[in-house]
Amino acid sequence: MSGGKPKDPKVRDKAAVMNWIRRNSPTREELLASRFVKPFAHRVAHSHLWRFTRTSVPRGTALGLFVGIFFLIPGVQILGVALLALPVRANIPIGAAMTFLSNPVTTPFIILGSVWLGDWLFGLQANSATFSAMIEHGASAGEWVRWTFSDAAPAMLAGLLVISIAAAAIGYIFAAIFWDNWIRLRWRRKLARARDQRHESSTSDTAAS
């Protein structure tokens, strides 16, 4: 058995989140090489857009959630994060990772929720039941395009806007809390290691004397 101390579950949970972000975040070189981003490489190459700070992480989270939900096209999502990160001074890797929360599995639920919300909030009278029927009978791409640009379009866009703004606000708050706790945990671990090293050093000095 190892004599080391068991890791704090909170540390493990936060480390798992950070590992997920690293896996799903493009590196600076990968993003700059993207055909979508390459024409705007000079705008996204600034080093401060790639730093993980107390302000850039929550902003990157909010930006990624807003762009990822409101713009459901993968190429447009990454490009949108890259271009909007500079004016809002957001972290690009965090923003890019957050766009992956809207994916082929979650997108149908986002669209259906947006249409329903647009109907409920603004009375746009889109037929959200048609959406479920189209999923059940496996509608073709042409049918989806016609449905999107029918009466459902205003409701979907209005609902997407509300959901993306709400998700961005909630994500910002949670990211700020998470990042503060993550930094505190890292400092505690560093201080604990420093104390252990001092203790080991004093113990060895005592034994030697």
C-alpha atoms as a PDB file:
ATOM      1  CA  MET A   1       0.000   0.000   0.000  1.00  0.00           C
ATOM      2  CA  SER A   2       1.123   3.501  -0.751  1.00  0.00           C
ATOM      3  CA  GLY A   3       1.851   5.708   2.229  1.00  0.00           C
ATOM      4  CA  GLY A   4       0.680   8.854   0.427  1.00  0.00           C
ATOM      5  CA  LYS A   5      -2.385  10.751   1.474  1.00  0.00           C
ATOM      6  CA  PRO A   6      -5.609  10.040  -0.459  1.00  0.00           C
ATOM      7  CA  LYS A   7      -6.511  12.764  -2.863  1.00  0.00           C
ATOM      8  CA  ASP A   8      -9.295  15.152  -1.967  1.00  0.00           C
ATOM      9  CA  PRO A   9     -12.452  14.265  -4.008  1.00  0.00           C
ATOM     10  CA  LYS A  10     -12.927  17.967  -4.759  1.00  0.00           C
ATOM     11  CA  VAL A  11      -9.443  18.100  -6.235  1.00  0.00           C
ATOM     12  CA  ARG A  12     -10.176  15.024  -8.364  1.00  0.00           C
ATOM     13  CA  ASP A  13     -13.468  16.474  -9.617  1.00  0.00           C
ATOM     14  CA  LYS A  14     -11.912  19.801 -10.573  1.00  0.00           C
ATOM     15  CA  ALA A  15      -8.942  18.062 -12.165  1.00  0.00           C
ATOM     16  CA  ALA A  16     -11.368  15.969 -14.255  1.00  0.00           C
ATOM     17  CA  VAL A  17     -13.097  19.146 -15.464  1.00  0.00           C
ATOM     18  CA  MET A  18      -9.770  20.745 -16.378  1.00  0.00           C
ATOM     19  CA  ASN A  19      -8.679  17.577 -18.202  1.00  0.00           C
ATOM     20  CA  TRP A  20     -11.931  17.585 -20.198  1.00  0.00           C
ATOM     21  CA  ILE A  21     -11.339  21.217 -21.159  1.00  0.00           C
ATOM     22  CA  ARG A  22      -7.772  20.464 -22.262  1.00  0.00           C
ATOM     23  CA  ARG A  23      -8.918  17.496 -24.363  1.00  0.00           C
ATOM     24  CA  ASN A  24     -11.603  19.509 -26.123  1.00  0.00           C
ATOM     25  CA  SER A  25      -9.688  22.764 -26.485  1.00  0.00           C
ATOM     26  CA  PRO A  26      -7.669  23.347 -29.650  1.00  0.00           C
ATOM     27  CA  THR A  27      -4.077  24.438 -29.257  1.00  0.00           C
ATOM     28  CA  ARG A  28      -3.084  27.821 -30.605  1.00  0.00           C
ATOM     29  CA  GLU A  29      -1.335  26.161 -33.547  1.00  0.00           C
ATOM     30  CA  GLU A  30      -4.366  23.976 -34.369  1.00  0.00           C
ATOM     31  CA  LEU A  31      -6.767  26.889 -34.254  1.00  0.00           C
ATOM     32  CA  LEU A  32      -4.579  29.177 -36.341  1.00  0.00           C
ATOM     33  CA  ALA A  33      -4.194  26.414 -38.927  1.00  0.00           C
ATOM     34  CA  SER A  34      -7.979  26.008 -39.258  1.00  0.00           C
ATOM     35  CA  ARG A  35      -9.303  27.068 -42.648  1.00  0.00           C
ATOM     36  CA  PHE A  36     -12.111  28.926 -40.903  1.00  0.00           C
ATOM     37  CA  VAL A  37      -9.790  30.918 -38.643  1.00  0.00           C
ATOM     38  CA  LYS A  38      -6.689  31.334 -40.822  1.00  0.00           C
ATOM     39  CA  PRO A  39      -7.938  34.536 -42.544  1.00  0.00           C
ATOM     40  CA  PHE A  40      -8.336  36.102 -39.085  1.00  0.00           C
ATOM     41  CA  ALA A  41      -5.202  34.595 -37.493  1.00  0.00           C
ATOM     42  CA  HIS A  42      -3.775  38.023 -36.680  1.00  0.00           C
ATOM     43  CA  ARG A  43      -6.799  38.720 -34.471  1.00  0.00           C
ATOM     44  CA  VAL A  44      -6.644  35.533 -32.420  1.00  0.00           C
ATOM     45  CA  ALA A  45      -2.881  35.110 -32.000  1.00  0.00           C
ATOM     46  CA  HIS A  46      -2.641  37.558 -29.073  1.00  0.00           C
ATOM     47  CA  SER A  47      -1.143  35.793 -26.070  1.00  0.00           C
ATOM     48  CA  HIS A  48      -3.627  37.290 -23.590  1.00  0.00           C
ATOM     49  CA  LEU A  49      -6.463  35.410 -25.323  1.00  0.00           C
ATOM     50  CA  TRP A  50      -4.778  32.132 -24.353  1.00  0.00           C
ATOM     51  CA  ARG A  51      -4.058  32.888 -20.703  1.00  0.00           C
ATOM     52  CA  PHE A  52      -6.130  31.274 -17.964  1.00  0.00           C
ATOM     53  CA  THR A  53      -6.971  34.112 -15.597  1.00  0.00           C
ATOM     54  CA  ARG A  54      -9.683  35.000 -13.122  1.00  0.00           C
ATOM     55  CA  THR A  55     -11.482  37.149 -15.699  1.00  0.00           C
ATOM     56  CA  SER A  56     -10.721  35.418 -18.993  1.00  0.00           C
ATOM     57  CA  VAL A  57     -11.973  31.971 -17.924  1.00  0.00           C
ATOM     58  CA  PRO A  58     -15.549  33.042 -16.973  1.00  0.00           C
ATOM     59  CA  ARG A  59     -15.696  35.243 -20.067  1.00  0.00           C
ATOM     60  CA  GLY A  60     -14.531  32.378 -22.248  1.00  0.00           C
ATOM     61  CA  THR A  61     -17.138  30.085 -20.706  1.00  0.00           C
ATOM     62  CA  ALA A  62     -19.934  32.596 -21.288  1.00  0.00           C
ATOM     63  CA  LEU A  63     -18.787  33.335 -24.837  1.00  0.00           C
ATOM     64  CA  GLY A  64     -18.488  29.657 -25.739  1.00  0.00           C
ATOM     65  CA  LEU A  65     -21.932  28.816 -24.396  1.00  0.00           C
ATOM     66  CA  PHE A  66     -23.562  31.774 -26.143  1.00  0.00           C
ATOM     67  CA  VAL A  67     -21.933  31.100 -29.512  1.00  0.00           C
ATOM     68  CA  GLY A  68     -22.256  27.324 -29.224  1.00  0.00           C
ATOM     69  CA  ILE A  69     -25.992  27.456 -28.563  1.00  0.00           C
ATOM     70  CA  PHE A  70     -27.027  30.378 -30.767  1.00  0.00           C
ATOM     71  CA  PHE A  71     -24.907  29.342 -33.777  1.00  0.00           C
ATOM     72  CA  LEU A  72     -25.419  25.612 -34.207  1.00  0.00           C
ATOM     73  CA  ILE A  73     -22.989  25.194 -37.130  1.00  0.00           C
ATOM     74  CA  PRO A  74     -19.635  23.736 -35.956  1.00  0.00           C
ATOM     75  CA  GLY A  75     -17.357  25.825 -38.174  1.00  0.00           C
ATOM     76  CA  VAL A  76     -19.247  28.997 -37.363  1.00  0.00           C
ATOM     77  CA  GLN A  77     -19.011  28.256 -33.633  1.00  0.00           C
ATOM     78  CA  ILE A  78     -15.210  28.106 -33.530  1.00  0.00           C
ATOM     79  CA  LEU A  79     -14.883  31.119 -35.813  1.00  0.00           C
ATOM     80  CA  GLY A  80     -17.368  33.085 -33.709  1.00  0.00           C
ATOM     81  CA  VAL A  81     -15.465  32.354 -30.488  1.00  0.00           C
ATOM     82  CA  ALA A  82     -12.139  33.242 -32.093  1.00  0.00           C
ATOM     83  CA  LEU A  83     -13.384  36.581 -33.446  1.00  0.00           C
ATOM     84  CA  LEU A  84     -15.406  37.651 -30.402  1.00  0.00           C
ATOM     85  CA  ALA A  85     -12.756  36.663 -27.865  1.00  0.00           C
ATOM     86  CA  LEU A  86     -10.638  39.743 -28.621  1.00  0.00           C
ATOM     87  CA  PRO A  87     -13.216  42.479 -27.907  1.00  0.00           C
ATOM     88  CA  VAL A  88     -14.498  40.758 -24.757  1.00  0.00           C
ATOM     89  CA  ARG A  89     -10.993  39.579 -23.691  1.00  0.00           C
ATOM     90  CA  ALA A  90     -12.117  35.981 -23.255  1.00  0.00           C
ATOM     91  CA  ASN A  91     -10.058  32.810 -23.086  1.00  0.00           C
ATOM     92  CA  ILE A  92     -10.180  31.122 -26.504  1.00  0.00           C
ATOM     93  CA  PRO A  93      -9.478  27.494 -25.420  1.00  0.00           C
ATOM     94  CA  ILE A  94     -12.259  27.635 -22.810  1.00  0.00           C
ATOM     95  CA  GLY A  95     -14.656  29.222 -25.274  1.00  0.00           C
ATOM     96  CA  ALA A  96     -13.877  26.639 -27.960  1.00  0.00           C
ATOM     97  CA  ALA A  97     -14.354  23.769 -25.499  1.00  0.00           C
ATOM     98  CA  MET A  98     -17.746  25.104 -24.369  1.00  0.00           C
ATOM     99  CA  THR A  99     -19.085  25.047 -27.940  1.00  0.00           C
ATOM    100  CA  PHE A 100     -18.835  21.238 -27.859  1.00  0.00           C
ATOM    101  CA  LEU A 101     -21.727  21.171 -25.396  1.00  0.00           C
ATOM    102  CA  SER A 102     -23.956  21.744 -28.409  1.00  0.00           C
ATOM    103  CA  ASN A 103     -23.407  18.613 -30.485  1.00  0.00           C
ATOM    104  CA  PRO A 104     -25.438  16.177 -32.608  1.00  0.00           C
ATOM    105  CA  VAL A 105     -26.898  14.646 -29.429  1.00  0.00           C
ATOM    106  CA  THR A 106     -27.964  17.890 -27.735  1.00  0.00           C
ATOM    107  CA  THR A 107     -28.837  19.999 -30.805  1.00  0.00           C
ATOM    108  CA  PRO A 108     -32.313  18.489 -31.426  1.00  0.00           C
ATOM    109  CA  PHE A 109     -33.266  19.196 -27.794  1.00  0.00           C
ATOM    110  CA  ILE A 110     -31.905  22.742 -28.063  1.00  0.00           C
ATOM    111  CA  ILE A 111     -33.919  23.400 -31.218  1.00  0.00           C
ATOM    112  CA  LEU A 112     -37.109  21.909 -29.802  1.00  0.00           C
ATOM    113  CA  GLY A 113     -36.689  23.863 -26.557  1.00  0.00           C
ATOM    114  CA  SER A 114     -36.031  27.049 -28.525  1.00  0.00           C
ATOM    115  CA  VAL A 115     -39.157  26.673 -30.635  1.00  0.00           C
ATOM    116  CA  TRP A 116     -41.287  25.950 -27.566  1.00  0.00           C
ATOM    117  CA  LEU A 117     -39.770  28.882 -25.656  1.00  0.00           C
ATOM    118  CA  GLY A 118     -40.253  31.245 -28.593  1.00  0.00           C
ATOM    119  CA  ASP A 119     -43.898  30.192 -28.778  1.00  0.00           C
ATOM    120  CA  TRP A 120     -44.431  30.574 -25.037  1.00  0.00           C
ATOM    121  CA  LEU A 121     -42.636  33.881 -24.515  1.00  0.00           C
ATOM    122  CA  PHE A 122     -43.475  35.735 -27.711  1.00  0.00           C
ATOM    123  CA  GLY A 123     -46.580  34.007 -29.055  1.00  0.00           C
ATOM    124  CA  LEU A 124     -44.980  33.301 -32.422  1.00  0.00           C
ATOM    125  CA  GLN A 125     -47.261  30.313 -33.012  1.00  0.00           C
ATOM    126  CA  ALA A 126     -44.746  27.891 -34.484  1.00  0.00           C
ATOM    127  CA  ASN A 127     -45.896  24.296 -34.630  1.00  0.00           C
ATOM    128  CA  SER A 128     -43.368  22.550 -32.379  1.00  0.00           C
ATOM    129  CA  ALA A 129     -45.286  19.276 -32.694  1.00  0.00           C
ATOM    130  CA  THR A 130     -44.115  19.120 -36.313  1.00  0.00           C
ATOM    131  CA  PHE A 131     -40.545  18.907 -35.041  1.00  0.00           C
ATOM    132  CA  SER A 132     -41.264  15.706 -33.098  1.00  0.00           C
ATOM    133  CA  ALA A 133     -43.141  14.208 -36.039  1.00  0.00           C
ATOM    134  CA  MET A 134     -40.233  14.931 -38.389  1.00  0.00           C
ATOM    135  CA  ILE A 135     -37.817  13.189 -36.033  1.00  0.00           C
ATOM    136  CA  GLU A 136     -40.098  10.138 -35.784  1.00  0.00           C
ATOM    137  CA  HIS A 137     -40.400   9.620 -39.538  1.00  0.00           C
ATOM    138  CA  GLY A 138     -36.780  10.594 -40.322  1.00  0.00           C
ATOM    139  CA  ALA A 139     -37.276  13.790 -42.282  1.00  0.00           C
ATOM    140  CA  SER A 140     -34.915  14.545 -45.153  1.00  0.00           C
ATOM    141  CA  ALA A 141     -32.485  17.472 -45.181  1.00  0.00           C
ATOM    142  CA  GLY A 142     -34.805  19.377 -47.520  1.00  0.00           C
ATOM    143  CA  GLU A 143     -37.731  18.957 -45.119  1.00  0.00           C
ATOM    144  CA  TRP A 144     -35.611  20.253 -42.239  1.00  0.00           C
ATOM    145  CA  VAL A 145     -34.578  23.296 -44.250  1.00  0.00           C
ATOM    146  CA  ARG A 146     -38.180  24.062 -45.220  1.00  0.00           C
ATOM    147  CA  TRP A 147     -39.316  23.656 -41.610  1.00  0.00           C
ATOM    148  CA  THR A 148     -36.521  25.877 -40.304  1.00  0.00           C
ATOM    149  CA  PHE A 149     -37.441  28.724 -42.665  1.00  0.00           C
ATOM    150  CA  SER A 150     -41.173  28.389 -42.115  1.00  0.00           C
ATOM    151  CA  ASP A 151     -43.128  29.820 -39.192  1.00  0.00           C
ATOM    152  CA  ALA A 152     -40.750  27.966 -36.868  1.00  0.00           C
ATOM    153  CA  ALA A 153     -37.803  30.194 -37.774  1.00  0.00           C
ATOM    154  CA  PRO A 154     -38.770  33.317 -35.730  1.00  0.00           C
ATOM    155  CA  ALA A 155     -39.714  31.195 -32.714  1.00  0.00           C
ATOM    156  CA  MET A 156     -36.518  29.170 -32.938  1.00  0.00           C
ATOM    157  CA  LEU A 157     -34.288  32.242 -33.255  1.00  0.00           C
ATOM    158  CA  ALA A 158     -36.035  34.025 -30.389  1.00  0.00           C
ATOM    159  CA  GLY A 159     -35.819  30.930 -28.204  1.00  0.00           C
ATOM    160  CA  LEU A 160     -32.175  30.348 -29.113  1.00  0.00           C
ATOM    161  CA  LEU A 161     -31.341  33.922 -28.148  1.00  0.00           C
ATOM    162  CA  VAL A 162     -33.010  33.589 -24.738  1.00  0.00           C
ATOM    163  CA  ILE A 163     -31.455  30.175 -24.017  1.00  0.00           C
ATOM    164  CA  SER A 164     -27.980  31.233 -25.136  1.00  0.00           C
ATOM    165  CA  ILE A 165     -28.052  34.417 -23.019  1.00  0.00           C
ATOM    166  CA  ALA A 166     -29.300  32.485 -19.969  1.00  0.00           C
ATOM    167  CA  ALA A 167     -26.689  29.747 -20.468  1.00  0.00           C
ATOM    168  CA  ALA A 168     -23.928  32.338 -20.851  1.00  0.00           C
ATOM    169  CA  ALA A 169     -24.943  34.126 -17.651  1.00  0.00           C
ATOM    170  CA  ILE A 170     -25.183  30.908 -15.640  1.00  0.00           C
ATOM    171  CA  GLY A 171     -21.939  29.614 -17.127  1.00  0.00           C
ATOM    172  CA  TYR A 172     -20.140  32.832 -16.234  1.00  0.00           C
ATOM    173  CA  ILE A 173     -21.204  32.587 -12.585  1.00  0.00           C
ATOM    174  CA  PHE A 174     -20.319  28.905 -12.240  1.00  0.00           C
ATOM    175  CA  ALA A 175     -16.989  29.357 -14.035  1.00  0.00           C
ATOM    176  CA  ALA A 176     -16.030  32.255 -11.765  1.00  0.00           C
ATOM    177  CA  ILE A 177     -16.860  30.201  -8.664  1.00  0.00           C
ATOM    178  CA  PHE A 178     -15.107  27.106 -10.057  1.00  0.00           C
ATOM    179  CA  TRP A 179     -11.964  29.010 -11.023  1.00  0.00           C
ATOM    180  CA  ASP A 180     -11.665  30.725  -7.639  1.00  0.00           C
ATOM    181  CA  ASN A 181     -12.004  27.358  -5.879  1.00  0.00           C
ATOM    182  CA  TRP A 182      -9.550  25.730  -8.279  1.00  0.00           C
ATOM    183  CA  ILE A 183      -6.924  28.380  -7.596  1.00  0.00           C
ATOM    184  CA  ARG A 184      -7.468  28.055  -3.818  1.00  0.00           C
ATOM    185  CA  LEU A 185      -7.098  24.274  -4.002  1.00  0.00           C
ATOM    186  CA  ARG A 186      -3.895  24.578  -6.002  1.00  0.00           C
ATOM    187  CA  TRP A 187      -2.428  27.009  -3.457  1.00  0.00           C
ATOM    188  CA  ARG A 188      -3.436  24.728  -0.586  1.00  0.00           C
ATOM    189  CA  ARG A 189      -1.726  21.790  -2.250  1.00  0.00           C
ATOM    190  CA  LYS A 190       1.432  23.845  -2.829  1.00  0.00           C
ATOM    191  CA  LEU A 191       1.459  25.025   0.781  1.00  0.00           C
ATOM    192  CA  ALA A 192       0.870  21.475   2.025  1.00  0.00           C
ATOM    193  CA  ARG A 193       3.766  20.181  -0.084  1.00  0.00           C
ATOM    194  CA  ALA A 194       5.996  22.995   1.196  1.00  0.00           C
ATOM    195  CA  ARG A 195       5.070  22.142   4.809  1.00  0.00           C
ATOM    196  CA  ASP A 196       5.756  18.436   4.194  1.00  0.00           C
ATOM    197  CA  GLN A 197       9.130  19.239   2.664  1.00  0.00           C
ATOM    198  CA  ARG A 198      10.068  21.474   5.614  1.00  0.00           C
ATOM    199  CA  HIS A 199       8.923  18.777   8.030  1.00  0.00           C
ATOM    200  CA  GLU A 200      10.937  16.100   6.218  1.00  0.00           C
ATOM    201  CA  SER A 201      13.972  18.393   6.125  1.00  0.00           C
ATOM    202  CA  SER A 202      13.758  19.170   9.867  1.00  0.00           C
ATOM    203  CA  THR A 203      13.243  15.468  10.661  1.00  0.00           C
ATOM    204  CA  SER A 204      16.293  14.445   8.636  1.00  0.00           C
ATOM    205  CA  ASP A 205      18.376  17.186  10.271  1.00  0.00           C
ATOM    206  CA  THR A 206      17.313  16.009  13.722  1.00  0.00           C
ATOM    207  CA  ALA A 207      18.123  12.399  12.891  1.00  0.00           C
ATOM    208  CA  ALA A 208      21.540  13.375  11.530  1.00  0.00           C
ATOM    209  CA  SER A 209      22.414  15.348  14.652  1.00  0.00           C
END
